[in-house]
């Protein structure tokens, strides 16, 4: 037991403390820890942003308070050829009438 203690003291005296006496790793390891935290936070932020974008892309369109008006939707359908000239004019007229 005494031999192992003296061996430990000898090794400590020869190589110094493993933490360079400052409560942290030696001078070669200090950049690793901040970079590790930087990578962890970048991964967390990236994951949150990607999930938010995916969720907003998959969200169903709102039925009320939509930013696109009925006239704009009708114009798009007309431009794609889904609605004839007569149908377009009739529906546009109906949309422009004021409800009583």
Protein backbone atom coordinates (compact mmCIF):
# COMPACT_ATOMS: atom_id res chain seq x y z
CA UNK A 1 0.00 0.00 0.00
CA UNK A 2 2.79 2.35 0.87
CA UNK A 3 4.54 1.46 -2.38
CA UNK A 4 1.49 2.36 -4.47
CA UNK A 5 1.11 5.66 -2.61
CA UNK A 6 4.77 6.56 -3.19
CA UNK A 7 4.39 5.60 -6.85
CA UNK A 8 1.37 7.90 -7.17
CA UNK A 9 3.26 10.76 -5.53
CA UNK A 10 6.23 10.18 -7.84
CA UNK A 11 4.02 10.18 -10.95
CA UNK A 12 2.23 13.32 -9.76
CA UNK A 13 5.52 15.09 -9.19
CA UNK A 14 6.83 14.03 -12.59
CA UNK A 15 3.79 14.82 -14.77
CA UNK A 16 1.97 17.39 -12.64
CA UNK A 17 -1.73 17.39 -11.91
CA UNK A 18 -3.97 16.12 -14.68
CA UNK A 19 -5.96 19.36 -14.62
CA UNK A 20 -2.93 21.66 -14.87
CA UNK A 21 -3.58 23.02 -11.39
CA UNK A 22 -6.43 25.30 -12.54
CA UNK A 23 -9.40 23.06 -11.97
CA UNK A 24 -9.74 22.31 -15.67
CA UNK A 25 -8.08 20.24 -18.36
CA UNK A 26 -4.67 21.06 -19.69
CA UNK A 27 -4.06 23.84 -22.22
CA UNK A 28 -4.64 21.56 -25.22
CA UNK A 29 -8.23 20.71 -24.32
CA UNK A 30 -9.83 24.06 -23.44
CA UNK A 31 -11.20 24.88 -26.95
CA UNK A 32 -13.08 21.57 -27.13
CA UNK A 33 -15.64 22.39 -24.45
CA UNK A 34 -16.93 25.73 -25.82
CA UNK A 35 -17.05 24.23 -29.30
CA UNK A 36 -19.01 21.27 -27.97
CA UNK A 37 -21.60 23.60 -26.43
CA UNK A 38 -21.71 25.62 -29.64
CA UNK A 39 -22.45 22.47 -31.64
CA UNK A 40 -25.11 21.35 -29.16
CA UNK A 41 -26.92 24.71 -29.22
CA UNK A 42 -26.66 24.94 -33.02
CA UNK A 43 -28.23 21.48 -33.28
CA UNK A 44 -31.05 22.42 -30.90
CA UNK A 45 -31.81 25.69 -32.70
CA UNK A 46 -31.65 24.04 -36.13
CA UNK A 47 -34.02 21.29 -35.00
CA UNK A 48 -36.52 23.79 -33.62
CA UNK A 49 -36.43 25.92 -36.79
CA UNK A 50 -36.82 22.92 -39.09
CA UNK A 51 -39.72 21.54 -37.06
CA UNK A 52 -41.40 24.96 -37.04
CA UNK A 53 -41.02 25.34 -40.81
CA UNK A 54 -42.30 21.81 -41.42
CA UNK A 55 -45.29 22.35 -39.16
CA UNK A 56 -46.19 25.65 -40.81
CA UNK A 57 -45.91 24.06 -44.26
CA UNK A 58 -48.20 21.18 -43.28
CA UNK A 59 -50.78 23.37 -41.53
CA UNK A 60 -54.20 23.31 -43.19
CA UNK A 61 -55.32 26.55 -44.82
CA UNK A 62 -57.47 28.77 -42.67
CA UNK A 63 -61.13 28.86 -43.53
CA UNK A 64 -61.80 32.29 -42.08
CA UNK A 65 -59.56 35.31 -42.20
CA UNK A 66 -57.62 34.00 -45.16
CA UNK A 67 -55.31 36.48 -46.84
CA UNK A 68 -56.45 35.41 -50.29
CA UNK A 69 -59.77 36.85 -51.34
CA UNK A 70 -62.48 34.94 -53.15
CA UNK A 71 -61.95 37.13 -56.22
CA UNK A 72 -58.25 36.21 -56.31
CA UNK A 73 -59.09 32.51 -56.08
CA UNK A 74 -61.63 32.85 -58.86
CA UNK A 75 -59.08 34.66 -61.03
CA UNK A 76 -56.54 31.87 -60.45
CA UNK A 77 -59.08 29.21 -61.42
CA UNK A 78 -59.93 31.21 -64.53
CA UNK A 79 -56.26 31.54 -65.45
CA UNK A 80 -55.78 27.77 -65.10
CA UNK A 81 -58.77 27.15 -67.37
CA UNK A 82 -60.94 25.55 -64.72
CA UNK A 83 -63.69 28.14 -65.24
CA UNK A 84 -65.18 29.31 -68.55
CA UNK A 85 -65.51 32.98 -69.53
CA UNK A 86 -69.21 33.03 -68.82
CA UNK A 87 -68.83 31.23 -65.50
CA UNK A 88 -66.05 33.62 -64.45
CA UNK A 89 -68.09 36.73 -65.22
CA UNK A 90 -71.17 35.34 -63.48
CA UNK A 91 -69.28 34.35 -60.32
CA UNK A 92 -67.34 37.62 -60.25
CA UNK A 93 -70.60 39.54 -60.50
CA UNK A 94 -72.03 37.49 -57.67
CA UNK A 95 -68.97 38.18 -55.51
CA UNK A 96 -69.11 41.91 -56.17
CA UNK A 97 -72.78 42.17 -55.13
CA UNK A 98 -73.21 43.58 -51.67
CA UNK A 99 -75.00 41.26 -49.25
CA UNK A 100 -78.27 42.65 -47.96
